[in-house]
């Protein structure tokens, strides 16, 4: 199991948190998503390391942006 934290910009409310959680949670292999709204940190747990591009697409589908690493 692996865990990676990403920085997401544009989230301002609980609806934002739900949207990001749902989209990222649909990526194959993801076992958990934890969002810290005040900091914009999104921690993704998965069975194996994820391709950051897949996470970026999911975050963008939710209407937000993955901050540059």
Protein backbone atom coordinates (compact mmCIF):
# COMPACT_ATOMS: atom_id res chain seq x y z
CA UNK A 1 0.00 0.00 0.00
CA UNK A 2 1.22 3.48 -0.84
CA UNK A 3 0.10 6.96 0.10
CA UNK A 4 0.82 10.20 -1.76
CA UNK A 5 -0.21 13.76 -0.89
CA UNK A 6 -1.04 16.25 -3.63
CA UNK A 7 -1.80 19.96 -3.40
CA UNK A 8 -5.10 20.98 -5.00
CA UNK A 9 -6.06 24.60 -5.62
CA UNK A 10 -9.52 26.11 -5.86
CA UNK A 11 -11.35 24.12 -3.19
CA UNK A 12 -13.41 26.34 -0.89
CA UNK A 13 -16.17 24.21 0.66
CA UNK A 14 -17.39 20.74 1.56
CA UNK A 15 -18.93 20.34 -1.90
CA UNK A 16 -15.43 20.80 -3.33
CA UNK A 17 -14.13 18.11 -0.98
CA UNK A 18 -16.86 15.67 -2.07
CA UNK A 19 -16.25 16.33 -5.76
CA UNK A 20 -12.50 15.74 -5.52
CA UNK A 21 -12.97 12.69 -3.28
CA UNK A 22 -15.44 11.11 -5.71
CA UNK A 23 -13.40 11.74 -8.87
CA UNK A 24 -10.05 10.64 -7.41
CA UNK A 25 -11.71 7.68 -5.70
CA UNK A 26 -12.79 6.34 -9.11
CA UNK A 27 -9.18 5.81 -10.25
CA UNK A 28 -8.37 2.10 -10.45
CA UNK A 29 -6.34 0.99 -7.43
CA UNK A 30 -7.31 3.88 -5.14
CA UNK A 31 -8.26 2.61 -1.69
CA UNK A 32 -8.81 5.93 0.07
CA UNK A 33 -8.91 9.70 -0.37
CA UNK A 34 -8.50 12.22 2.47
CA UNK A 35 -8.92 15.94 1.79
CA UNK A 36 -7.75 18.69 4.14
CA UNK A 37 -9.79 21.67 2.97
CA UNK A 38 -7.86 24.45 4.80
CA UNK A 39 -4.50 23.40 3.27
CA UNK A 40 -5.72 21.93 -0.03
CA UNK A 41 -3.84 18.71 0.70
CA UNK A 42 -5.31 15.58 -0.87
CA UNK A 43 -3.82 12.33 0.38
CA UNK A 44 -4.48 9.36 -1.88
CA UNK A 45 -3.97 5.79 -0.66
CA UNK A 46 -3.60 3.08 -3.27
CA UNK A 47 -2.56 -0.52 -3.71
CA UNK A 48 0.34 0.56 -5.95
CA UNK A 49 1.92 3.90 -6.91
CA UNK A 50 -0.36 5.98 -9.16
CA UNK A 51 0.53 7.89 -12.29
CA UNK A 52 0.29 11.57 -11.31
CA UNK A 53 -1.26 12.34 -14.70
CA UNK A 54 -4.27 10.17 -13.80
CA UNK A 55 -4.69 12.03 -10.51
CA UNK A 56 -4.38 15.37 -12.33
CA UNK A 57 -7.12 14.40 -14.81
CA UNK A 58 -9.45 13.31 -11.99
CA UNK A 59 -8.89 16.56 -10.08
CA UNK A 60 -9.54 18.56 -13.26
CA UNK A 61 -12.72 16.55 -13.91
CA UNK A 62 -13.89 17.67 -10.47
CA UNK A 63 -13.24 21.28 -11.53
CA UNK A 64 -10.02 21.99 -9.64
CA UNK A 65 -6.30 22.07 -10.34
CA UNK A 66 -3.40 20.00 -9.11
CA UNK A 67 -0.69 22.43 -8.03
CA UNK A 68 2.71 22.03 -9.64
CA UNK A 69 4.89 19.69 -7.61
